[in-house]
Every structure is written in C-alpha cells, then in structure tokens.
N, C-alpha and C. Protein backbone atom coordinates (compact mmCIF):
# COMPACT_ATOMS: atom_id res chain seq x y z
N MET A 1 0.90 -1.41 0.06
CA MET A 1 0.17 -0.14 0.19
C MET A 1 0.91 1.36 0.15
N SER A 2 0.64 1.97 -0.92
CA SER A 2 1.48 3.54 -0.66
C SER A 2 1.04 4.59 0.37
N SER A 3 2.14 5.03 0.76
CA SER A 3 2.08 6.13 1.56
C SER A 3 1.75 7.57 0.95
N GLU A 4 1.42 7.46 -0.07
CA GLU A 4 0.93 8.85 -0.47
C GLU A 4 -0.42 9.12 -0.28
N THR A 5 -0.55 10.51 0.09
CA THR A 5 -2.15 10.93 0.11
C THR A 5 -2.94 10.98 -1.18
N PRO A 6 -4.10 10.49 -1.09
CA PRO A 6 -4.79 10.71 -2.49
C PRO A 6 -5.11 12.15 -2.86
N ARG A 7 -4.96 12.23 -4.14
CA ARG A 7 -5.02 13.79 -4.83
C ARG A 7 -6.56 13.65 -5.28
N ASP A 8 -6.64 15.14 -5.78
CA ASP A 8 -8.00 15.06 -6.62
C ASP A 8 -7.79 14.52 -7.59
N GLY A 9 -9.03 13.82 -8.25
CA GLY A 9 -8.95 13.04 -9.29
C GLY A 9 -8.22 11.72 -9.34
N ASP A 10 -7.60 11.48 -8.28
CA ASP A 10 -7.33 10.06 -8.36
C ASP A 10 -8.30 8.84 -8.34
N LEU A 11 -9.26 9.00 -7.72
CA LEU A 11 -10.56 8.20 -7.59
C LEU A 11 -11.10 8.08 -8.86
N LEU A 12 -11.20 9.04 -9.87
CA LEU A 12 -11.77 9.23 -10.87
C LEU A 12 -11.05 8.51 -11.88
N VAL A 13 -9.84 8.36 -11.83
CA VAL A 13 -8.92 7.96 -12.79
C VAL A 13 -8.89 6.37 -12.27
N ARG A 14 -8.89 6.00 -11.41
CA ARG A 14 -9.16 4.56 -10.95
C ARG A 14 -10.32 3.63 -11.25
N ILE A 15 -11.45 4.38 -11.15
CA ILE A 15 -12.49 4.16 -11.29
C ILE A 15 -13.03 3.91 -12.82
N GLY A 16 -12.25 5.05 -13.70
CA GLY A 16 -12.23 5.02 -15.10
C GLY A 16 -11.48 4.03 -15.75
N ALA A 17 -10.34 3.64 -15.10
CA ALA A 17 -9.55 2.36 -15.44
C ALA A 17 -10.39 0.97 -15.38
N ILE A 18 -11.00 1.00 -14.15
CA ILE A 18 -12.00 -0.10 -14.15
C ILE A 18 -13.20 -0.43 -14.99
N VAL A 19 -13.71 0.73 -15.08
CA VAL A 19 -15.00 0.65 -16.25
C VAL A 19 -14.22 0.47 -17.73
N PHE A 20 -13.15 1.29 -17.81
CA PHE A 20 -12.66 0.59 -19.22
C PHE A 20 -12.03 -0.72 -19.49
N LEU A 21 -11.50 -1.35 -18.53
CA LEU A 21 -11.26 -2.78 -18.44
C LEU A 21 -12.54 -3.66 -18.57
N VAL A 22 -13.90 -3.08 -17.87
CA VAL A 22 -14.94 -4.04 -18.16
C VAL A 22 -15.18 -4.31 -19.55
N GLY A 23 -15.26 -2.94 -20.09
CA GLY A 23 -15.40 -2.66 -21.67
C GLY A 23 -14.39 -3.55 -22.54
N ALA A 24 -13.23 -3.45 -22.15
CA ALA A 24 -12.37 -4.05 -23.03
C ALA A 24 -12.74 -5.77 -22.90
N VAL A 25 -12.98 -6.08 -21.82
CA VAL A 25 -13.20 -7.73 -21.85
C VAL A 25 -14.62 -8.06 -22.54
N ALA A 26 -15.58 -6.91 -22.28
CA ALA A 26 -16.83 -7.17 -23.10
C ALA A 26 -16.43 -7.15 -24.60
N THR A 27 -15.73 -6.20 -25.12
CA THR A 27 -15.38 -6.07 -26.63
C THR A 27 -14.86 -7.33 -26.77
N LEU A 28 -13.96 -7.89 -26.21
CA LEU A 28 -13.25 -9.06 -26.68
C LEU A 28 -14.36 -10.36 -26.51
N ALA A 29 -15.23 -10.22 -25.51
CA ALA A 29 -16.19 -11.42 -25.57
C ALA A 29 -17.27 -10.79 -26.76
N THR A 30 -17.45 -9.91 -27.15
CA THR A 30 -18.50 -9.91 -28.49
C THR A 30 -17.77 -10.04 -29.80
N VAL A 31 -16.36 -9.72 -29.80
CA VAL A 31 -15.62 -9.91 -31.12
C VAL A 31 -15.37 -11.43 -31.40
N ALA A 32 -14.91 -12.10 -30.09
CA ALA A 32 -14.80 -13.50 -30.23
C ALA A 32 -15.73 -14.36 -30.97
N PRO A 33 -17.03 -14.48 -30.87
CA PRO A 33 -17.78 -15.40 -31.54
C PRO A 33 -17.87 -15.11 -33.11
N LEU A 34 -17.68 -13.85 -33.62
CA LEU A 34 -17.33 -13.43 -34.93
C LEU A 34 -16.24 -14.21 -35.41
N PHE A 35 -15.21 -14.21 -34.73
CA PHE A 35 -13.92 -15.05 -35.53
C PHE A 35 -14.25 -16.31 -35.33
N LEU A 36 -14.78 -16.74 -34.29
CA LEU A 36 -15.01 -18.33 -33.95
C LEU A 36 -15.96 -18.84 -34.93
N GLY A 37 -16.98 -18.33 -35.56
CA GLY A 37 -18.19 -18.91 -36.40
C GLY A 37 -19.52 -19.14 -35.26
N ALA A 38 -19.22 -18.61 -34.13
CA ALA A 38 -20.30 -18.83 -33.42
C ALA A 38 -21.43 -17.60 -33.54
N ASP A 39 -22.58 -18.30 -32.96
CA ASP A 39 -23.68 -17.15 -32.88
C ASP A 39 -23.14 -16.08 -32.00
N PRO A 40 -23.62 -14.53 -32.93
CA PRO A 40 -23.08 -13.50 -31.77
C PRO A 40 -24.13 -13.34 -30.86
N LEU A 41 -23.44 -12.67 -29.72
CA LEU A 41 -23.89 -12.26 -28.64
C LEU A 41 -25.31 -11.36 -28.72
N PRO A 42 -25.86 -11.41 -27.74
CA PRO A 42 -27.16 -10.57 -27.78
C PRO A 42 -26.47 -8.89 -28.14
N THR A 43 -27.67 -7.83 -28.06
CA THR A 43 -27.53 -6.63 -28.35
C THR A 43 -26.87 -6.08 -27.09
N ALA A 44 -27.26 -6.60 -25.84
CA ALA A 44 -26.77 -6.10 -24.60
C ALA A 44 -25.41 -6.00 -24.45
N ALA A 45 -24.85 -6.95 -24.82
CA ALA A 45 -23.29 -7.17 -24.78
C ALA A 45 -22.69 -6.16 -25.54
N TYR A 46 -22.89 -6.10 -26.85
CA TYR A 46 -22.48 -4.78 -27.57
C TYR A 46 -22.46 -3.35 -26.81
N PHE A 47 -23.94 -3.65 -26.08
CA PHE A 47 -23.91 -2.01 -25.36
C PHE A 47 -22.71 -2.23 -24.12
N VAL A 48 -22.62 -2.86 -23.35
CA VAL A 48 -21.53 -3.15 -22.43
C VAL A 48 -20.26 -2.71 -22.94
N SER A 49 -19.90 -3.25 -24.34
CA SER A 49 -18.64 -2.87 -24.93
C SER A 49 -18.12 -1.00 -25.13
N MET A 50 -19.05 -0.43 -25.00
CA MET A 50 -19.27 0.89 -24.99
C MET A 50 -18.64 1.60 -23.78
N LEU A 51 -18.52 0.67 -22.69
CA LEU A 51 -18.07 1.12 -21.70
C LEU A 51 -16.62 1.38 -21.42
N MET A 52 -15.72 0.91 -22.67
CA MET A 52 -14.39 1.05 -22.76
C MET A 52 -14.44 2.85 -23.15
N GLY A 53 -15.38 3.51 -23.63
CA GLY A 53 -15.27 4.88 -24.13
C GLY A 53 -15.49 5.59 -22.80
N VAL A 54 -16.53 5.13 -22.40
CA VAL A 54 -17.12 5.80 -20.96
C VAL A 54 -16.04 5.82 -19.98
N GLY A 55 -15.17 4.67 -19.80
CA GLY A 55 -14.05 4.82 -18.72
C GLY A 55 -13.01 5.64 -19.07
N PHE A 56 -12.80 5.53 -20.22
CA PHE A 56 -11.53 6.67 -21.05
C PHE A 56 -12.20 8.17 -20.62
N LEU A 57 -13.50 8.21 -20.68
CA LEU A 57 -13.80 9.88 -20.30
C LEU A 57 -13.66 10.01 -18.73
N ILE A 58 -14.09 8.83 -18.00
CA ILE A 58 -14.16 9.27 -16.47
C ILE A 58 -12.59 9.52 -16.12
N ALA A 59 -11.78 8.55 -16.81
CA ALA A 59 -10.31 8.57 -16.24
C ALA A 59 -9.75 9.86 -16.90
N ALA A 60 -10.18 10.60 -18.01
CA ALA A 60 -9.58 11.88 -18.31
C ALA A 60 -10.28 12.96 -17.68
N ALA A 61 -11.49 13.04 -17.30
CA ALA A 61 -11.99 13.72 -16.07
C ALA A 61 -11.04 13.82 -14.87
N GLY A 62 -10.89 12.62 -14.37
CA GLY A 62 -9.84 12.66 -13.07
C GLY A 62 -8.42 13.20 -13.41
N VAL A 63 -7.93 13.16 -14.65
CA VAL A 63 -6.67 13.48 -15.13
C VAL A 63 -6.72 15.11 -15.12
N LEU A 64 -8.00 15.98 -16.00
CA LEU A 64 -8.00 17.12 -15.77
C LEU A 64 -8.28 17.93 -14.33
N ARG A 65 -8.94 16.93 -13.44
CA ARG A 65 -9.20 17.47 -11.89
C ARG A 65 -8.08 17.78 -11.66
N ALA A 66 -7.09 16.43 -11.45
CA ALA A 66 -5.70 16.61 -10.90
C ALA A 66 -4.92 17.67 -11.37
N VAL A 67 -4.97 18.01 -12.70
CA VAL A 67 -4.30 18.99 -13.33
C VAL A 67 -4.84 20.34 -12.53
N ALA A 68 -6.05 20.80 -12.89
CA ALA A 68 -6.68 21.98 -12.14
C ALA A 68 -6.12 22.06 -11.01
N ALA A 69 -6.09 20.86 -10.04
CA ALA A 69 -5.76 20.79 -8.41
C ALA A 69 -4.33 21.30 -8.45
N GLN A 70 -3.59 20.75 -9.31
CA GLN A 70 -2.05 21.54 -8.96
C GLN A 70 -1.62 22.59 -9.62
N ARG A 71 -2.46 23.23 -10.60
CA ARG A 71 -2.66 24.51 -10.87
C ARG A 71 -2.72 25.26 -9.55
N ARG A 72 -4.09 25.36 -9.25
CA ARG A 72 -4.51 25.91 -8.08
C ARG A 72 -3.57 25.94 -7.05
N GLN A 73 -2.65 24.90 -6.83
CA GLN A 73 -1.68 24.90 -5.56
C GLN A 73 -0.69 25.45 -6.18
N ALA A 74 0.10 25.43 -7.28
CA ALA A 74 0.89 26.07 -7.59
C ALA A 74 0.73 27.73 -7.44
N ARG A 75 -0.69 28.21 -8.05
CA ARG A 75 -0.81 29.51 -7.99
C ARG A 75 -0.90 30.11 -6.26
N ALA A 76 -1.40 29.24 -5.60
CA ALA A 76 -1.63 29.81 -4.22
C ALA A 76 0.02 30.00 -3.53
N ALA A 77 0.87 28.81 -3.85
CA ALA A 77 2.14 28.88 -3.46
C ALA A 77 2.92 30.21 -3.83
N LEU A 78 2.53 30.61 -5.39
CA LEU A 78 3.13 31.86 -5.62
C LEU A 78 2.70 33.16 -5.22
N SER A 79 1.43 32.97 -4.84
CA SER A 79 0.61 34.40 -4.11
C SER A 79 1.48 34.86 -2.93
N PRO A 80 1.56 33.97 -1.94
CA PRO A 80 2.11 34.67 -0.66
C PRO A 80 3.56 35.05 -1.23
N ALA A 81 3.88 34.57 -2.16
CA ALA A 81 5.35 34.97 -2.11
C ALA A 81 5.70 36.41 -2.98
N LEU A 82 4.43 36.91 -3.84
CA LEU A 82 4.18 38.10 -4.27
C LEU A 82 3.92 39.08 -3.49
N ALA A 83 2.97 38.52 -2.44
CA ALA A 83 2.09 39.54 -1.67
C ALA A 83 3.00 40.55 -0.63
N PRO A 84 4.36 40.24 -0.16
CA PRO A 84 5.24 41.44 0.68
C PRO A 84 5.60 42.20 -0.55
N GLU A 85 5.98 41.87 -1.90
CA GLU A 85 6.56 42.75 -2.71
C GLU A 85 5.44 43.82 -2.91
N SER A 86 4.26 43.45 -3.32
CA SER A 86 3.35 44.41 -3.66
C SER A 86 3.01 45.28 -2.61
N ALA A 87 3.12 45.04 -1.33
CA ALA A 87 2.84 45.58 -0.12
C ALA A 87 3.85 46.75 0.31
N SER A 88 5.08 46.17 -0.32
CA SER A 88 6.29 46.87 0.08
C SER A 88 6.44 47.97 -0.95
N SER A 89 5.74 48.04 -2.29
CA SER A 89 5.87 48.94 -3.21
C SER A 89 5.01 50.12 -3.12
N ARG A 90 3.96 49.90 -2.01
CA ARG A 90 3.15 51.06 -1.88
C ARG A 90 3.68 52.40 -1.10
C-alpha cells in the first residue's frame, strides 16, 4: 500500500480504469464469436462494450481534475511570495 495521500482526481482515474477494463473484456467477448464462427452475442453485450469509451472519459476527467488542482496549488504557492513585494511597493 502506498504512503502517498490521495489527490484530486485519483479516484476518478481508478474508477475510469476499472470501467475501461470491463468494457475491454466485453469487447473481446463480443468479437470472439465473430472470429470463431459462433452465434453472435445479444445486443446488450455490445452496449457493455461501449463502457471502454465511458471509462476513458471518466479517467480523462480525473486527469483534468488533478491538473486543475495542481495549478491551483502552484498559484497559491506563488501568491504569498508575491504579496510582500506588492505591499512594500506602496
């Protein structure tokens, strides 16, 4: 187990990865019968395959959230450093 503290967006990235993997397995399951000459799976299986895209979007949202949090943190770190200079120039 990691000793790092969870950051903004980490949970979304993990959930997105899990949803993506479920969609990838469903995609393999729906394509396999086509190559093996078996009967195709029901339509619902093809809808589950679309979870790959949904998982990718969830993970991307988590990455964007993490980027925004890091930018906010960097901006907050710079603000106190700039504050005394602007006060002394008055």
